[in-house]
Amino acid sequence: MTASGHETVTAKDWDDRVARLTEKLPTRLGEALDWLREPSRRIVRIIAALLFILGGVFSILPVLGLWMLPVGLALLSEDIPGLKVPLERSARWIVATWARVRASFRR
């Protein structure tokens, strides 16, 4: 924690989160994600990220959904490291908010 009471967030924190999530995926999906994350797959990864983001924007259509937007941003963060810290902060906020919501329903 810093003096202001906020926890320091780094790009490595995001990379660690993605690695933990990848381990929880079914084997084939995890392998596909690992394949996409390899540095030599940059062009394929950027195209896939942009398609996911576009799919998230058109979430009103069947099959497409808002879930596609964070997936696209996560893929894009491999090539735009400046996205990693904001994505990690967002993920932490979502986890904390979800915990508060669940706790309020348990009362």
N, C-alpha and C. Protein backbone atom coordinates (compact mmCIF):
# COMPACT_ATOMS: atom_id res chain seq x y z
N MET A 1 0.83 -1.18 0.00
CA MET A 1 0.00 0.00 0.00
C MET A 1 0.87 1.24 0.00
N THR A 2 0.37 2.27 -0.63
CA THR A 2 1.08 3.54 -0.64
C THR A 2 0.61 4.38 0.53
N ALA A 3 1.24 5.53 0.70
CA ALA A 3 0.88 6.42 1.81
C ALA A 3 -0.56 6.89 1.71
N SER A 4 -1.11 6.97 0.49
CA SER A 4 -2.49 7.44 0.31
C SER A 4 -3.51 6.34 0.60
N GLY A 5 -3.04 5.13 0.93
CA GLY A 5 -3.96 4.05 1.27
C GLY A 5 -4.35 3.18 0.08
N HIS A 6 -3.86 3.52 -1.11
CA HIS A 6 -4.18 2.74 -2.29
C HIS A 6 -3.06 1.73 -2.56
N GLU A 7 -3.46 0.56 -2.94
CA GLU A 7 -2.50 -0.49 -3.24
C GLU A 7 -1.82 -0.19 -4.57
N THR A 8 -0.52 -0.42 -4.64
CA THR A 8 0.22 -0.21 -5.87
C THR A 8 -0.13 -1.32 -6.85
N VAL A 9 -0.45 -0.94 -8.08
CA VAL A 9 -0.83 -1.89 -9.13
C VAL A 9 0.22 -1.82 -10.23
N THR A 10 0.69 -2.98 -10.68
CA THR A 10 1.70 -3.01 -11.75
C THR A 10 1.20 -3.84 -12.93
N ALA A 11 1.89 -3.71 -14.03
CA ALA A 11 1.57 -4.51 -15.22
C ALA A 11 1.74 -6.00 -14.92
N LYS A 12 2.69 -6.34 -14.06
CA LYS A 12 2.91 -7.75 -13.70
C LYS A 12 1.68 -8.32 -12.99
N ASP A 13 1.00 -7.48 -12.20
CA ASP A 13 -0.22 -7.95 -11.54
C ASP A 13 -1.25 -8.41 -12.57
N TRP A 14 -1.37 -7.65 -13.66
CA TRP A 14 -2.31 -8.01 -14.72
C TRP A 14 -1.87 -9.31 -15.40
N ASP A 15 -0.56 -9.40 -15.70
CA ASP A 15 -0.05 -10.61 -16.34
C ASP A 15 -0.30 -11.84 -15.45
N ASP A 16 -0.11 -11.68 -14.14
CA ASP A 16 -0.35 -12.78 -13.21
C ASP A 16 -1.84 -13.17 -13.20
N ARG A 17 -2.73 -12.16 -13.24
CA ARG A 17 -4.18 -12.43 -13.26
C ARG A 17 -4.54 -13.21 -14.52
N VAL A 18 -4.02 -12.80 -15.66
CA VAL A 18 -4.32 -13.48 -16.93
C VAL A 18 -3.79 -14.91 -16.88
N ALA A 19 -2.60 -15.10 -16.32
CA ALA A 19 -2.03 -16.46 -16.21
C ALA A 19 -2.92 -17.35 -15.33
N ARG A 20 -3.41 -16.80 -14.19
CA ARG A 20 -4.29 -17.59 -13.31
C ARG A 20 -5.60 -17.93 -14.00
N LEU A 21 -6.15 -16.97 -14.72
CA LEU A 21 -7.41 -17.23 -15.43
C LEU A 21 -7.22 -18.25 -16.54
N THR A 22 -6.09 -18.17 -17.24
CA THR A 22 -5.80 -19.11 -18.32
C THR A 22 -5.73 -20.53 -17.78
N GLU A 23 -5.17 -20.70 -16.58
CA GLU A 23 -5.05 -22.03 -15.97
C GLU A 23 -6.42 -22.63 -15.66
N LYS A 24 -7.43 -21.79 -15.45
CA LYS A 24 -8.77 -22.26 -15.12
C LYS A 24 -9.60 -22.62 -16.35
N LEU A 25 -9.13 -22.24 -17.52
CA LEU A 25 -9.86 -22.51 -18.76
C LEU A 25 -9.73 -23.98 -19.15
N PRO A 26 -10.69 -24.47 -19.95
CA PRO A 26 -10.51 -25.81 -20.51
C PRO A 26 -9.19 -25.87 -21.29
N THR A 27 -8.59 -27.05 -21.33
CA THR A 27 -7.25 -27.22 -21.91
C THR A 27 -7.11 -26.60 -23.29
N ARG A 28 -8.01 -26.92 -24.20
CA ARG A 28 -7.87 -26.42 -25.59
C ARG A 28 -7.98 -24.91 -25.65
N LEU A 29 -8.88 -24.33 -24.87
CA LEU A 29 -9.05 -22.88 -24.87
C LEU A 29 -7.82 -22.20 -24.26
N GLY A 30 -7.30 -22.79 -23.19
CA GLY A 30 -6.09 -22.25 -22.57
C GLY A 30 -4.90 -22.30 -23.51
N GLU A 31 -4.77 -23.41 -24.23
CA GLU A 31 -3.68 -23.54 -25.21
C GLU A 31 -3.83 -22.53 -26.33
N ALA A 32 -5.07 -22.30 -26.78
CA ALA A 32 -5.31 -21.31 -27.84
C ALA A 32 -4.93 -19.91 -27.35
N LEU A 33 -5.28 -19.59 -26.11
CA LEU A 33 -4.93 -18.29 -25.56
C LEU A 33 -3.42 -18.15 -25.40
N ASP A 34 -2.77 -19.19 -24.92
CA ASP A 34 -1.30 -19.16 -24.80
C ASP A 34 -0.66 -18.97 -26.18
N TRP A 35 -1.20 -19.64 -27.19
CA TRP A 35 -0.70 -19.50 -28.56
C TRP A 35 -0.84 -18.05 -29.02
N LEU A 36 -2.00 -17.46 -28.76
CA LEU A 36 -2.24 -16.07 -29.16
C LEU A 36 -1.33 -15.09 -28.43
N ARG A 37 -0.96 -15.39 -27.20
CA ARG A 37 -0.17 -14.48 -26.39
C ARG A 37 1.32 -14.51 -26.74
N GLU A 38 1.75 -15.46 -27.56
CA GLU A 38 3.16 -15.52 -27.94
C GLU A 38 3.51 -14.27 -28.75
N PRO A 39 4.70 -13.69 -28.50
CA PRO A 39 5.09 -12.45 -29.20
C PRO A 39 5.05 -12.56 -30.72
N SER A 40 5.33 -13.73 -31.27
CA SER A 40 5.34 -13.88 -32.73
C SER A 40 3.94 -13.81 -33.35
N ARG A 41 2.91 -13.87 -32.55
CA ARG A 41 1.52 -13.85 -33.05
C ARG A 41 0.91 -12.45 -32.97
N ARG A 42 1.72 -11.43 -32.95
CA ARG A 42 1.27 -10.05 -32.73
C ARG A 42 0.15 -9.64 -33.69
N ILE A 43 0.32 -9.84 -34.97
CA ILE A 43 -0.68 -9.41 -35.95
C ILE A 43 -1.99 -10.15 -35.74
N VAL A 44 -1.92 -11.46 -35.56
CA VAL A 44 -3.13 -12.26 -35.33
C VAL A 44 -3.83 -11.79 -34.05
N ARG A 45 -3.04 -11.52 -33.00
CA ARG A 45 -3.58 -11.10 -31.71
C ARG A 45 -4.28 -9.74 -31.83
N ILE A 46 -3.67 -8.81 -32.54
CA ILE A 46 -4.26 -7.47 -32.70
C ILE A 46 -5.56 -7.57 -33.49
N ILE A 47 -5.57 -8.35 -34.55
CA ILE A 47 -6.79 -8.52 -35.35
C ILE A 47 -7.89 -9.16 -34.49
N ALA A 48 -7.53 -10.21 -33.75
CA ALA A 48 -8.51 -10.87 -32.88
C ALA A 48 -9.03 -9.90 -31.83
N ALA A 49 -8.14 -9.11 -31.23
CA ALA A 49 -8.54 -8.14 -30.20
C ALA A 49 -9.52 -7.13 -30.77
N LEU A 50 -9.21 -6.60 -31.95
CA LEU A 50 -10.09 -5.61 -32.57
C LEU A 50 -11.46 -6.22 -32.92
N LEU A 51 -11.46 -7.48 -33.37
CA LEU A 51 -12.73 -8.14 -33.66
C LEU A 51 -13.55 -8.37 -32.39
N PHE A 52 -12.88 -8.73 -31.30
CA PHE A 52 -13.59 -8.89 -30.02
C PHE A 52 -14.17 -7.55 -29.56
N ILE A 53 -13.38 -6.49 -29.66
CA ILE A 53 -13.86 -5.16 -29.25
C ILE A 53 -15.04 -4.75 -30.11
N LEU A 54 -14.94 -4.97 -31.40
CA LEU A 54 -16.05 -4.64 -32.30
C LEU A 54 -17.29 -5.47 -31.94
N GLY A 55 -17.10 -6.74 -31.63
CA GLY A 55 -18.21 -7.58 -31.21
C GLY A 55 -18.84 -7.08 -29.93
N GLY A 56 -18.04 -6.55 -29.03
CA GLY A 56 -18.56 -5.98 -27.80
C GLY A 56 -19.38 -4.73 -28.03
N VAL A 57 -18.96 -3.94 -29.02
CA VAL A 57 -19.71 -2.73 -29.36
C VAL A 57 -21.08 -3.08 -29.93
N PHE A 58 -21.15 -4.16 -30.70
CA PHE A 58 -22.42 -4.59 -31.30
C PHE A 58 -23.08 -5.68 -30.45
N SER A 59 -23.05 -5.50 -29.15
CA SER A 59 -23.55 -6.52 -28.23
C SER A 59 -25.05 -6.73 -28.29
N ILE A 60 -25.77 -5.87 -29.00
CA ILE A 60 -27.22 -6.05 -29.11
C ILE A 60 -27.57 -7.18 -30.07
N LEU A 61 -26.62 -7.61 -30.86
CA LEU A 61 -26.86 -8.68 -31.83
C LEU A 61 -26.71 -10.04 -31.15
N PRO A 62 -27.41 -11.07 -31.65
CA PRO A 62 -27.26 -12.41 -31.07
C PRO A 62 -25.81 -12.90 -31.14
N VAL A 63 -25.40 -13.69 -30.20
CA VAL A 63 -24.08 -14.30 -30.06
C VAL A 63 -23.04 -13.29 -29.55
N LEU A 64 -23.08 -12.09 -30.08
CA LEU A 64 -22.13 -11.08 -29.63
C LEU A 64 -22.58 -10.57 -28.26
N GLY A 65 -21.65 -10.10 -27.47
CA GLY A 65 -22.04 -9.61 -26.16
C GLY A 65 -20.98 -8.73 -25.55
N LEU A 66 -21.34 -8.09 -24.46
CA LEU A 66 -20.41 -7.21 -23.77
C LEU A 66 -19.19 -7.96 -23.26
N TRP A 67 -19.30 -9.27 -23.06
CA TRP A 67 -18.17 -10.07 -22.61
C TRP A 67 -17.00 -9.97 -23.58
N MET A 68 -17.29 -9.65 -24.83
CA MET A 68 -16.25 -9.60 -25.85
C MET A 68 -15.33 -8.39 -25.68
N LEU A 69 -15.85 -7.31 -25.12
CA LEU A 69 -15.07 -6.08 -24.96
C LEU A 69 -13.87 -6.28 -24.02
N PRO A 70 -14.05 -6.80 -22.81
CA PRO A 70 -12.86 -7.01 -21.96
C PRO A 70 -11.89 -8.05 -22.51
N VAL A 71 -12.40 -9.05 -23.22
CA VAL A 71 -11.51 -10.04 -23.82
C VAL A 71 -10.62 -9.36 -24.87
N GLY A 72 -11.23 -8.52 -25.69
CA GLY A 72 -10.46 -7.78 -26.70
C GLY A 72 -9.44 -6.86 -26.06
N LEU A 73 -9.83 -6.16 -25.00
CA LEU A 73 -8.89 -5.27 -24.32
C LEU A 73 -7.76 -6.06 -23.67
N ALA A 74 -8.08 -7.21 -23.11
CA ALA A 74 -7.04 -8.05 -22.51
C ALA A 74 -6.03 -8.51 -23.56
N LEU A 75 -6.51 -8.91 -24.72
CA LEU A 75 -5.60 -9.31 -25.79
C LEU A 75 -4.77 -8.13 -26.27
N LEU A 76 -5.39 -6.97 -26.40
CA LEU A 76 -4.69 -5.78 -26.86
C LEU A 76 -3.63 -5.33 -25.86
N SER A 77 -3.85 -5.63 -24.58
CA SER A 77 -2.88 -5.22 -23.56
C SER A 77 -1.52 -5.90 -23.74
N GLU A 78 -1.49 -7.01 -24.45
CA GLU A 78 -0.20 -7.66 -24.73
C GLU A 78 0.68 -6.77 -25.60
N ASP A 79 0.06 -5.94 -26.44
CA ASP A 79 0.81 -5.09 -27.36
C ASP A 79 0.79 -3.62 -26.96
N ILE A 80 -0.10 -3.27 -26.05
CA ILE A 80 -0.16 -1.90 -25.52
C ILE A 80 -0.06 -2.01 -24.01
N PRO A 81 1.17 -2.11 -23.48
CA PRO A 81 1.36 -2.34 -22.05
C PRO A 81 0.69 -1.29 -21.16
N GLY A 82 0.45 -0.10 -21.67
CA GLY A 82 -0.21 0.94 -20.89
C GLY A 82 -1.64 0.58 -20.49
N LEU A 83 -2.20 -0.43 -21.12
CA LEU A 83 -3.56 -0.88 -20.76
C LEU A 83 -3.57 -1.80 -19.54
N LYS A 84 -2.44 -2.38 -19.21
CA LYS A 84 -2.41 -3.41 -18.17
C LYS A 84 -2.79 -2.88 -16.78
N VAL A 85 -2.25 -1.74 -16.39
CA VAL A 85 -2.56 -1.21 -15.05
C VAL A 85 -4.03 -0.81 -14.95
N PRO A 86 -4.60 -0.06 -15.93
CA PRO A 86 -6.03 0.24 -15.83
C PRO A 86 -6.92 -1.01 -15.85
N LEU A 87 -6.54 -2.02 -16.61
CA LEU A 87 -7.31 -3.26 -16.64
C LEU A 87 -7.24 -3.97 -15.29
N GLU A 88 -6.07 -3.99 -14.67
CA GLU A 88 -5.92 -4.62 -13.36
C GLU A 88 -6.74 -3.85 -12.31
N ARG A 89 -6.68 -2.53 -12.36
CA ARG A 89 -7.48 -1.73 -11.41
C ARG A 89 -8.97 -2.01 -11.61
N SER A 90 -9.40 -2.08 -12.87
CA SER A 90 -10.81 -2.38 -13.17
C SER A 90 -11.19 -3.76 -12.65
N ALA A 91 -10.32 -4.74 -12.85
CA ALA A 91 -10.60 -6.10 -12.39
C ALA A 91 -10.71 -6.12 -10.87
N ARG A 92 -9.83 -5.41 -10.19
CA ARG A 92 -9.90 -5.37 -8.72
C ARG A 92 -11.18 -4.70 -8.25
N TRP A 93 -11.58 -3.63 -8.93
CA TRP A 93 -12.82 -2.94 -8.57
C TRP A 93 -14.02 -3.87 -8.77
N ILE A 94 -14.04 -4.60 -9.88
CA ILE A 94 -15.15 -5.53 -10.15
C ILE A 94 -15.20 -6.62 -9.08
N VAL A 95 -14.06 -7.19 -8.73
CA VAL A 95 -14.02 -8.24 -7.71
C VAL A 95 -14.53 -7.69 -6.36
N ALA A 96 -14.07 -6.51 -5.98
CA ALA A 96 -14.49 -5.92 -4.70
C ALA A 96 -15.98 -5.58 -4.71
N THR A 97 -16.46 -5.03 -5.82
CA THR A 97 -17.88 -4.68 -5.93
C THR A 97 -18.73 -5.93 -5.87
N TRP A 98 -18.32 -6.97 -6.57
CA TRP A 98 -19.07 -8.23 -6.57
C TRP A 98 -19.12 -8.81 -5.15
N ALA A 99 -18.01 -8.74 -4.43
CA ALA A 99 -17.98 -9.25 -3.06
C ALA A 99 -18.94 -8.46 -2.17
N ARG A 100 -18.99 -7.13 -2.34
CA ARG A 100 -19.92 -6.32 -1.55
C ARG A 100 -21.37 -6.65 -1.88
N VAL A 101 -21.67 -6.83 -3.16
CA VAL A 101 -23.04 -7.17 -3.58
C VAL A 101 -23.45 -8.52 -3.00
N ARG A 102 -22.58 -9.51 -3.11
CA ARG A 102 -22.88 -10.84 -2.56
C ARG A 102 -23.07 -10.78 -1.06
N ALA A 103 -22.24 -10.01 -0.39
CA ALA A 103 -22.35 -9.90 1.08
C ALA A 103 -23.67 -9.24 1.46
N SER A 104 -24.12 -8.28 0.69
CA SER A 104 -25.39 -7.59 1.02
C SER A 104 -26.59 -8.53 0.85
N PHE A 105 -26.50 -9.51 -0.03
CA PHE A 105 -27.59 -10.46 -0.21
C PHE A 105 -27.57 -11.57 0.83
N ARG A 106 -26.46 -11.78 1.47
CA ARG A 106 -26.35 -12.82 2.50
C ARG A 106 -26.92 -12.40 3.85
N ARG A 107 -27.14 -11.10 3.99
CA ARG A 107 -27.67 -10.60 5.28
C ARG A 107 -29.08 -11.00 5.50
